[in-house]
Amino acid sequence: MIDQGFVDGTGRCVTLREVGDENWRAVADVVPLDDQRNHVAAMAARYLLLSMREDTWNSLAVYADEVVVGHVMWGRDEDGSHWIGGMLIDGAEQGKGLGRALLRTMTGWLAAQEGCWAIRLAYHPDNAVAVRLYESLGFVPTGAADGDEVVAELAPSRAGSH
């Protein structure tokens, strides 16, 4: 379990846990709000399959106390940078500060990994909610793109501090 001590806006402890026999179905069933489907997968099941079928990504379940509320992936690039991808909070759980707590937990954990010199993620520039969240946590656009998405980076020294 990855626990950096962050809570959501309702006071629930946000942790990240391995996806296994006891929780994979709950993670697979996580769905975003309808208007977010232009920016993320329609279900977390897609992200679970990516992490199962490709060596790039590792899936984690997002918990608020003891309830699965989301999914996030992480990976390490050939250049040693660490990436966050496949972040999805269930639509019914949104607006409670889970995304912020998840990212603070994830970036703090990634920053502590050996050799981590940068934490990166990519987002669609039209996703205004995501842009505000990432910028508020210190992510800065690198000028690079991944398809039609903006690549942003956070220095490990700033991870988990916002």
N, C-alpha and C. Protein backbone atom coordinates (compact mmCIF):
# COMPACT_ATOMS: atom_id res chain seq x y z
N MET A 1 0.85 -1.18 0.00
CA MET A 1 0.00 0.00 0.00
C MET A 1 0.90 1.24 0.00
N ILE A 2 0.49 2.23 -0.80
CA ILE A 2 1.18 3.51 -0.84
C ILE A 2 0.32 4.51 -0.10
N ASP A 3 0.83 5.01 0.99
CA ASP A 3 0.09 5.94 1.83
C ASP A 3 1.03 7.09 2.20
N GLN A 4 0.72 8.26 1.69
CA GLN A 4 1.52 9.45 1.99
C GLN A 4 0.83 10.35 3.01
N GLY A 5 -0.31 9.88 3.56
CA GLY A 5 -1.01 10.63 4.60
C GLY A 5 -1.97 11.69 4.09
N PHE A 6 -2.31 11.67 2.80
CA PHE A 6 -3.22 12.67 2.25
C PHE A 6 -4.67 12.21 2.37
N VAL A 7 -5.55 13.16 2.56
CA VAL A 7 -6.98 12.88 2.65
C VAL A 7 -7.72 13.68 1.60
N ASP A 8 -8.92 13.21 1.26
CA ASP A 8 -9.76 13.97 0.33
C ASP A 8 -10.51 15.05 1.10
N GLY A 9 -11.37 15.77 0.42
CA GLY A 9 -12.10 16.87 1.04
C GLY A 9 -13.11 16.44 2.09
N THR A 10 -13.41 15.15 2.15
CA THR A 10 -14.35 14.65 3.17
C THR A 10 -13.63 13.99 4.33
N GLY A 11 -12.29 14.01 4.29
CA GLY A 11 -11.50 13.45 5.38
C GLY A 11 -11.11 11.99 5.23
N ARG A 12 -11.43 11.39 4.09
CA ARG A 12 -11.07 9.98 3.87
C ARG A 12 -9.59 9.87 3.48
N CYS A 13 -8.92 8.89 4.01
CA CYS A 13 -7.51 8.64 3.70
C CYS A 13 -7.42 8.06 2.28
N VAL A 14 -6.59 8.68 1.45
CA VAL A 14 -6.42 8.22 0.07
C VAL A 14 -5.14 7.42 -0.02
N THR A 15 -5.27 6.17 -0.47
CA THR A 15 -4.13 5.28 -0.63
C THR A 15 -4.17 4.65 -2.01
N LEU A 16 -3.02 4.15 -2.42
CA LEU A 16 -2.88 3.44 -3.68
C LEU A 16 -2.48 2.01 -3.36
N ARG A 17 -3.13 1.06 -4.02
CA ARG A 17 -2.87 -0.34 -3.72
C ARG A 17 -2.75 -1.15 -5.00
N GLU A 18 -2.02 -2.24 -4.91
CA GLU A 18 -1.90 -3.15 -6.04
C GLU A 18 -3.28 -3.61 -6.48
N VAL A 19 -3.42 -3.88 -7.76
CA VAL A 19 -4.65 -4.47 -8.26
C VAL A 19 -4.46 -5.98 -8.22
N GLY A 20 -5.38 -6.66 -7.55
CA GLY A 20 -5.28 -8.11 -7.40
C GLY A 20 -6.64 -8.78 -7.41
N ASP A 21 -6.65 -10.03 -6.98
CA ASP A 21 -7.87 -10.83 -7.01
C ASP A 21 -9.03 -10.19 -6.25
N GLU A 22 -8.73 -9.50 -5.15
CA GLU A 22 -9.79 -8.97 -4.29
C GLU A 22 -10.39 -7.65 -4.79
N ASN A 23 -9.73 -6.94 -5.72
CA ASN A 23 -10.24 -5.62 -6.08
C ASN A 23 -10.30 -5.33 -7.58
N TRP A 24 -9.85 -6.23 -8.43
CA TRP A 24 -9.75 -5.89 -9.84
C TRP A 24 -11.10 -5.58 -10.47
N ARG A 25 -12.16 -6.26 -10.03
CA ARG A 25 -13.48 -5.99 -10.61
C ARG A 25 -13.95 -4.58 -10.26
N ALA A 26 -13.76 -4.17 -9.01
CA ALA A 26 -14.16 -2.83 -8.59
C ALA A 26 -13.37 -1.77 -9.35
N VAL A 27 -12.09 -2.03 -9.58
CA VAL A 27 -11.27 -1.08 -10.35
C VAL A 27 -11.74 -1.04 -11.80
N ALA A 28 -11.96 -2.19 -12.40
CA ALA A 28 -12.39 -2.25 -13.80
C ALA A 28 -13.70 -1.50 -14.03
N ASP A 29 -14.57 -1.47 -13.02
CA ASP A 29 -15.88 -0.83 -13.15
C ASP A 29 -15.86 0.68 -12.94
N VAL A 30 -14.72 1.26 -12.61
CA VAL A 30 -14.64 2.72 -12.42
C VAL A 30 -14.92 3.41 -13.75
N VAL A 31 -15.85 4.37 -13.72
CA VAL A 31 -16.20 5.11 -14.94
C VAL A 31 -16.19 6.61 -14.65
N PRO A 32 -15.75 7.41 -15.63
CA PRO A 32 -15.75 8.87 -15.44
C PRO A 32 -17.15 9.44 -15.68
N LEU A 33 -17.26 10.74 -15.51
CA LEU A 33 -18.49 11.42 -15.91
C LEU A 33 -18.58 11.38 -17.44
N ASP A 34 -19.81 11.40 -17.98
CA ASP A 34 -20.00 11.30 -19.43
C ASP A 34 -19.21 12.34 -20.21
N ASP A 35 -19.16 13.58 -19.72
CA ASP A 35 -18.48 14.64 -20.49
C ASP A 35 -16.95 14.54 -20.43
N GLN A 36 -16.42 13.59 -19.70
CA GLN A 36 -14.97 13.40 -19.62
C GLN A 36 -14.46 12.34 -20.59
N ARG A 37 -15.34 11.68 -21.26
CA ARG A 37 -14.93 10.56 -22.11
C ARG A 37 -14.16 10.99 -23.35
N ASN A 38 -14.10 12.28 -23.63
CA ASN A 38 -13.24 12.76 -24.71
C ASN A 38 -11.78 12.80 -24.28
N HIS A 39 -11.54 12.72 -22.96
CA HIS A 39 -10.19 12.89 -22.42
C HIS A 39 -9.64 11.65 -21.73
N VAL A 40 -10.50 10.73 -21.33
CA VAL A 40 -10.07 9.51 -20.64
C VAL A 40 -10.87 8.32 -21.17
N ALA A 41 -10.42 7.14 -20.82
CA ALA A 41 -11.14 5.93 -21.24
C ALA A 41 -12.53 5.89 -20.62
N ALA A 42 -13.45 5.22 -21.29
CA ALA A 42 -14.83 5.11 -20.82
C ALA A 42 -14.95 4.27 -19.56
N MET A 43 -13.98 3.40 -19.33
CA MET A 43 -13.93 2.56 -18.13
C MET A 43 -12.47 2.30 -17.78
N ALA A 44 -12.18 2.12 -16.50
CA ALA A 44 -10.82 1.81 -16.07
C ALA A 44 -10.37 0.46 -16.61
N ALA A 45 -11.29 -0.39 -17.02
CA ALA A 45 -10.92 -1.70 -17.56
C ALA A 45 -9.92 -1.57 -18.71
N ARG A 46 -10.05 -0.53 -19.53
CA ARG A 46 -9.11 -0.32 -20.63
C ARG A 46 -7.70 -0.14 -20.10
N TYR A 47 -7.54 0.65 -19.05
CA TYR A 47 -6.23 0.88 -18.47
C TYR A 47 -5.66 -0.39 -17.83
N LEU A 48 -6.53 -1.16 -17.20
CA LEU A 48 -6.07 -2.43 -16.63
C LEU A 48 -5.52 -3.35 -17.72
N LEU A 49 -6.21 -3.41 -18.84
CA LEU A 49 -5.73 -4.24 -19.95
C LEU A 49 -4.41 -3.74 -20.49
N LEU A 50 -4.25 -2.42 -20.60
CA LEU A 50 -2.97 -1.87 -21.06
C LEU A 50 -1.82 -2.32 -20.15
N SER A 51 -2.04 -2.25 -18.85
CA SER A 51 -0.97 -2.62 -17.93
C SER A 51 -0.74 -4.13 -17.91
N MET A 52 -1.73 -4.91 -18.27
CA MET A 52 -1.56 -6.36 -18.33
C MET A 52 -0.86 -6.79 -19.62
N ARG A 53 -1.14 -6.09 -20.71
CA ARG A 53 -0.68 -6.51 -22.03
C ARG A 53 0.62 -5.85 -22.48
N GLU A 54 1.00 -4.76 -21.84
CA GLU A 54 2.22 -4.04 -22.21
C GLU A 54 3.13 -3.93 -20.99
N ASP A 55 4.41 -3.87 -21.22
CA ASP A 55 5.36 -3.78 -20.12
C ASP A 55 5.56 -2.36 -19.60
N THR A 56 4.97 -1.38 -20.24
CA THR A 56 5.20 0.03 -19.91
C THR A 56 4.54 0.47 -18.62
N TRP A 57 3.30 0.05 -18.40
CA TRP A 57 2.49 0.60 -17.32
C TRP A 57 2.23 -0.40 -16.20
N ASN A 58 2.06 0.16 -15.00
CA ASN A 58 1.68 -0.60 -13.81
C ASN A 58 0.43 0.03 -13.22
N SER A 59 -0.63 -0.74 -13.07
CA SER A 59 -1.89 -0.23 -12.55
C SER A 59 -1.93 -0.26 -11.03
N LEU A 60 -2.58 0.75 -10.46
CA LEU A 60 -2.85 0.80 -9.03
C LEU A 60 -4.31 1.18 -8.80
N ALA A 61 -4.90 0.60 -7.78
CA ALA A 61 -6.25 0.97 -7.36
C ALA A 61 -6.15 2.18 -6.45
N VAL A 62 -7.09 3.11 -6.61
CA VAL A 62 -7.16 4.28 -5.74
C VAL A 62 -8.27 4.01 -4.73
N TYR A 63 -7.93 4.14 -3.45
CA TYR A 63 -8.88 3.92 -2.37
C TYR A 63 -9.11 5.21 -1.60
N ALA A 64 -10.36 5.40 -1.16
CA ALA A 64 -10.72 6.41 -0.16
C ALA A 64 -11.19 5.59 1.04
N ASP A 65 -10.41 5.62 2.10
CA ASP A 65 -10.57 4.68 3.21
C ASP A 65 -10.52 3.27 2.63
N GLU A 66 -11.59 2.50 2.70
CA GLU A 66 -11.56 1.12 2.21
C GLU A 66 -12.40 0.90 0.96
N VAL A 67 -12.70 1.98 0.23
CA VAL A 67 -13.54 1.90 -0.96
C VAL A 67 -12.72 2.24 -2.20
N VAL A 68 -12.82 1.39 -3.24
CA VAL A 68 -12.17 1.69 -4.51
C VAL A 68 -12.90 2.86 -5.17
N VAL A 69 -12.15 3.92 -5.48
CA VAL A 69 -12.75 5.11 -6.09
C VAL A 69 -12.08 5.49 -7.40
N GLY A 70 -11.03 4.77 -7.78
CA GLY A 70 -10.35 5.15 -9.00
C GLY A 70 -9.24 4.21 -9.41
N HIS A 71 -8.53 4.66 -10.44
CA HIS A 71 -7.43 3.91 -11.04
C HIS A 71 -6.35 4.91 -11.45
N VAL A 72 -5.10 4.47 -11.36
CA VAL A 72 -3.98 5.26 -11.86
C VAL A 72 -2.89 4.29 -12.31
N MET A 73 -2.13 4.70 -13.33
CA MET A 73 -1.00 3.90 -13.79
C MET A 73 0.28 4.70 -13.60
N TRP A 74 1.38 3.98 -13.48
CA TRP A 74 2.68 4.63 -13.46
C TRP A 74 3.64 3.79 -14.30
N GLY A 75 4.67 4.45 -14.79
CA GLY A 75 5.68 3.76 -15.56
C GLY A 75 6.99 4.52 -15.51
N ARG A 76 8.05 3.86 -15.93
CA ARG A 76 9.36 4.48 -15.99
C ARG A 76 9.83 4.44 -17.44
N ASP A 77 10.20 5.61 -17.96
CA ASP A 77 10.65 5.71 -19.34
C ASP A 77 12.13 5.32 -19.44
N GLU A 78 12.58 5.06 -20.65
CA GLU A 78 13.98 4.69 -20.87
C GLU A 78 14.96 5.74 -20.37
N ASP A 79 14.54 7.01 -20.36
CA ASP A 79 15.44 8.09 -19.92
C ASP A 79 15.45 8.24 -18.39
N GLY A 80 14.69 7.41 -17.69
CA GLY A 80 14.66 7.46 -16.22
C GLY A 80 13.54 8.31 -15.65
N SER A 81 12.82 9.02 -16.51
CA SER A 81 11.68 9.80 -16.01
C SER A 81 10.56 8.84 -15.64
N HIS A 82 9.77 9.25 -14.68
CA HIS A 82 8.62 8.47 -14.23
C HIS A 82 7.35 9.14 -14.74
N TRP A 83 6.39 8.35 -15.15
CA TRP A 83 5.16 8.85 -15.76
C TRP A 83 3.94 8.44 -14.95
N ILE A 84 2.94 9.30 -14.97
CA ILE A 84 1.62 9.01 -14.43
C ILE A 84 0.66 8.97 -15.61
N GLY A 85 -0.16 7.95 -15.68
CA GLY A 85 -1.12 7.83 -16.77
C GLY A 85 -2.37 7.13 -16.29
N GLY A 86 -3.38 7.10 -17.13
CA GLY A 86 -4.59 6.35 -16.83
C GLY A 86 -5.25 6.74 -15.52
N MET A 87 -5.18 8.02 -15.18
CA MET A 87 -5.80 8.48 -13.93
C MET A 87 -7.29 8.67 -14.15
N LEU A 88 -8.07 8.00 -13.33
CA LEU A 88 -9.52 8.03 -13.49
C LEU A 88 -10.17 7.93 -12.12
N ILE A 89 -10.97 8.92 -11.78
CA ILE A 89 -11.76 8.90 -10.55
C ILE A 89 -13.21 8.63 -10.95
N ASP A 90 -13.87 7.72 -10.26
CA ASP A 90 -15.25 7.40 -10.57
C ASP A 90 -16.12 8.66 -10.53
N GLY A 91 -16.99 8.79 -11.52
CA GLY A 91 -17.84 9.97 -11.63
C GLY A 91 -18.60 10.30 -10.37
N ALA A 92 -19.11 9.28 -9.68
CA ALA A 92 -19.88 9.50 -8.45
C ALA A 92 -19.02 10.03 -7.31
N GLU A 93 -17.70 9.92 -7.43
CA GLU A 93 -16.78 10.34 -6.37
C GLU A 93 -16.08 11.68 -6.68
N GLN A 94 -16.36 12.23 -7.83
CA GLN A 94 -15.65 13.45 -8.22
C GLN A 94 -16.15 14.67 -7.45
N GLY A 95 -15.28 15.68 -7.38
CA GLY A 95 -15.61 16.90 -6.67
C GLY A 95 -15.33 16.83 -5.18
N LYS A 96 -14.62 15.80 -4.75
CA LYS A 96 -14.34 15.60 -3.33
C LYS A 96 -12.85 15.74 -3.00
N GLY A 97 -12.05 16.19 -3.97
CA GLY A 97 -10.62 16.35 -3.73
C GLY A 97 -9.81 15.08 -3.89
N LEU A 98 -10.40 14.04 -4.47
CA LEU A 98 -9.69 12.78 -4.64
C LEU A 98 -8.55 12.88 -5.65
N GLY A 99 -8.77 13.60 -6.75
CA GLY A 99 -7.73 13.74 -7.76
C GLY A 99 -6.48 14.40 -7.19
N ARG A 100 -6.67 15.45 -6.42
CA ARG A 100 -5.54 16.15 -5.80
C ARG A 100 -4.81 15.23 -4.81
N ALA A 101 -5.56 14.55 -3.95
CA ALA A 101 -4.95 13.65 -2.98
C ALA A 101 -4.24 12.49 -3.68
N LEU A 102 -4.85 11.96 -4.73
CA LEU A 102 -4.23 10.89 -5.52
C LEU A 102 -2.91 11.36 -6.10
N LEU A 103 -2.90 12.54 -6.74
CA LEU A 103 -1.67 13.02 -7.36
C LEU A 103 -0.60 13.35 -6.33
N ARG A 104 -0.98 13.90 -5.21
CA ARG A 104 0.01 14.19 -4.17
C ARG A 104 0.62 12.89 -3.64
N THR A 105 -0.22 11.87 -3.47
CA THR A 105 0.26 10.57 -3.03
C THR A 105 1.19 9.95 -4.08
N MET A 106 0.76 9.97 -5.31
CA MET A 106 1.52 9.35 -6.40
C MET A 106 2.85 10.06 -6.63
N THR A 107 2.84 11.39 -6.68
CA THR A 107 4.08 12.11 -6.94
C THR A 107 5.06 11.97 -5.78
N GLY A 108 4.57 11.95 -4.56
CA GLY A 108 5.45 11.74 -3.42
C GLY A 108 6.12 10.38 -3.47
N TRP A 109 5.35 9.37 -3.83
CA TRP A 109 5.89 8.01 -3.93
C TRP A 109 6.88 7.89 -5.08
N LEU A 110 6.51 8.43 -6.25
CA LEU A 110 7.41 8.35 -7.40
C LEU A 110 8.71 9.10 -7.14
N ALA A 111 8.63 10.25 -6.50
CA ALA A 111 9.83 11.04 -6.21
C ALA A 111 10.82 10.28 -5.35
N ALA A 112 10.31 9.37 -4.53
CA ALA A 112 11.17 8.59 -3.64
C ALA A 112 11.80 7.37 -4.33
N GLN A 113 11.39 7.10 -5.57
CA GLN A 113 11.94 5.95 -6.29
C GLN A 113 13.36 6.25 -6.74
N GLU A 114 14.21 5.27 -6.68
CA GLU A 114 15.61 5.43 -7.07
C GLU A 114 15.73 5.93 -8.51
N GLY A 115 16.53 6.94 -8.69
CA GLY A 115 16.80 7.47 -10.03
C GLY A 115 15.73 8.39 -10.59
N CYS A 116 14.69 8.69 -9.84
CA CYS A 116 13.63 9.56 -10.37
C CYS A 116 14.14 10.99 -10.45
N TRP A 117 14.22 11.51 -11.65
CA TRP A 117 14.67 12.88 -11.84
C TRP A 117 13.56 13.77 -12.40
N ALA A 118 12.48 13.16 -12.86
CA ALA A 118 11.34 13.93 -13.37
C ALA A 118 10.09 13.06 -13.29
N ILE A 119 8.96 13.71 -13.01
CA ILE A 119 7.66 13.05 -13.02
C ILE A 119 6.85 13.72 -14.12
N ARG A 120 6.36 12.94 -15.05
CA ARG A 120 5.66 13.49 -16.21
C ARG A 120 4.26 12.89 -16.33
N LEU A 121 3.43 13.64 -17.02
CA LEU A 121 2.11 13.17 -17.40
C LEU A 121 1.72 13.93 -18.66
N ALA A 122 0.67 13.47 -19.31
CA ALA A 122 0.18 14.13 -20.53
C ALA A 122 -1.31 14.34 -20.38
N TYR A 123 -1.78 15.46 -20.92
CA TYR A 123 -3.20 15.79 -20.84
C TYR A 123 -3.63 16.54 -22.09
N HIS A 124 -4.92 16.44 -22.39
CA HIS A 124 -5.48 17.18 -23.52
C HIS A 124 -5.66 18.63 -23.09
N PRO A 125 -5.21 19.58 -23.90
CA PRO A 125 -5.29 20.99 -23.50
C PRO A 125 -6.72 21.51 -23.30
N ASP A 126 -7.71 20.83 -23.85
CA ASP A 126 -9.11 21.24 -23.66
C ASP A 126 -9.68 20.77 -22.33
N ASN A 127 -8.95 19.95 -21.60
CA ASN A 127 -9.42 19.43 -20.32
C ASN A 127 -9.07 20.44 -19.23
N ALA A 128 -9.88 21.49 -19.14
CA ALA A 128 -9.59 22.63 -18.26
C ALA A 128 -9.45 22.23 -16.79
N VAL A 129 -10.27 21.30 -16.33
CA VAL A 129 -10.19 20.87 -14.93
C VAL A 129 -8.83 20.23 -14.66
N ALA A 130 -8.39 19.35 -15.56
CA ALA A 130 -7.10 18.70 -15.39
C ALA A 130 -5.96 19.71 -15.46
N VAL A 131 -6.03 20.63 -16.41
CA VAL A 131 -4.99 21.66 -16.54
C VAL A 131 -4.83 22.42 -15.24
N ARG A 132 -5.94 22.88 -14.66
CA ARG A 132 -5.88 23.64 -13.40
C ARG A 132 -5.28 22.80 -12.27
N LEU A 133 -5.70 21.54 -12.18
CA LEU A 133 -5.19 20.66 -11.13
C LEU A 133 -3.69 20.46 -11.28
N TYR A 134 -3.25 20.09 -12.47
CA TYR A 134 -1.82 19.82 -12.68
C TYR A 134 -0.98 21.06 -12.44
N GLU A 135 -1.42 22.20 -12.92
CA GLU A 135 -0.66 23.44 -12.70
C GLU A 135 -0.61 23.79 -11.22
N SER A 136 -1.71 23.59 -10.50
CA SER A 136 -1.74 23.93 -9.08
C SER A 136 -0.78 23.05 -8.27
N LEU A 137 -0.46 21.87 -8.80
CA LEU A 137 0.46 20.96 -8.12
C LEU A 137 1.91 21.15 -8.57
N GLY A 138 2.13 22.08 -9.49
CA GLY A 138 3.49 22.39 -9.92
C GLY A 138 3.94 21.78 -11.22
N PHE A 139 3.06 21.06 -11.93
CA PHE A 139 3.42 20.52 -13.23
C PHE A 139 3.55 21.67 -14.23
N VAL A 140 4.60 21.62 -15.04
CA VAL A 140 4.88 22.66 -16.02
C VAL A 140 4.98 22.02 -17.40
N PRO A 141 4.28 22.58 -18.40
CA PRO A 141 4.41 22.03 -19.76
C PRO A 141 5.86 22.05 -20.22
N THR A 142 6.27 20.97 -20.87
CA THR A 142 7.66 20.85 -21.32
C THR A 142 7.87 21.41 -22.72
N GLY A 143 6.78 21.64 -23.45
CA GLY A 143 6.89 22.03 -24.85
C GLY A 143 6.78 20.82 -25.77
N ALA A 144 6.87 19.64 -25.20
CA ALA A 144 6.71 18.40 -25.98
C ALA A 144 5.24 18.01 -26.02
N ALA A 145 4.91 17.17 -26.98
CA ALA A 145 3.55 16.67 -27.10
C ALA A 145 3.58 15.16 -27.26
N ASP A 146 2.50 14.52 -26.83
CA ASP A 146 2.29 13.10 -27.04
C ASP A 146 0.99 13.00 -27.83
N GLY A 147 1.10 12.95 -29.14
CA GLY A 147 -0.08 13.05 -29.99
C GLY A 147 -0.67 14.43 -29.84
N ASP A 148 -1.95 14.50 -29.47
CA ASP A 148 -2.59 15.81 -29.28
C ASP A 148 -2.58 16.24 -27.81
N GLU A 149 -1.78 15.58 -26.99
CA GLU A 149 -1.72 15.91 -25.57
C GLU A 149 -0.44 16.68 -25.22
N VAL A 150 -0.56 17.54 -24.25
CA VAL A 150 0.56 18.33 -23.73
C VAL A 150 1.31 17.47 -22.70
N VAL A 151 2.62 17.44 -22.78
CA VAL A 151 3.44 16.75 -21.79
C VAL A 151 3.86 17.77 -20.74
N ALA A 152 3.61 17.45 -19.47
CA ALA A 152 3.98 18.33 -18.37
C ALA A 152 4.88 17.57 -17.41
N GLU A 153 5.70 18.33 -16.69
CA GLU A 153 6.71 17.73 -15.83
C GLU A 153 6.72 18.39 -14.46
N LEU A 154 7.05 17.59 -13.47
CA LEU A 154 7.19 18.05 -12.10
C LEU A 154 8.55 17.60 -11.60
N ALA A 155 9.31 18.51 -11.00
CA ALA A 155 10.58 18.13 -10.40
C ALA A 155 10.29 17.34 -9.13
N PRO A 156 10.99 16.23 -8.89
CA PRO A 156 10.74 15.43 -7.69
C PRO A 156 10.82 16.22 -6.40
N SER A 157 11.62 17.25 -6.35
CA SER A 157 11.74 18.06 -5.14
C SER A 157 10.44 18.79 -4.80
N ARG A 158 9.54 18.94 -5.77
CA ARG A 158 8.26 19.61 -5.55
C ARG A 158 7.12 18.63 -5.35
N ALA A 159 7.38 17.35 -5.48
CA ALA A 159 6.34 16.31 -5.42
C ALA A 159 5.69 16.25 -4.05
N GLY A 160 4.36 16.15 -4.06
CA GLY A 160 3.60 15.95 -2.85
C GLY A 160 3.48 17.18 -1.96
N SER A 161 4.06 18.30 -2.38
CA SER A 161 4.10 19.46 -1.49
C SER A 161 2.95 20.44 -1.67
N HIS A 162 2.18 20.32 -2.70
CA HIS A 162 1.10 21.29 -2.95
C HIS A 162 -0.25 20.76 -2.50
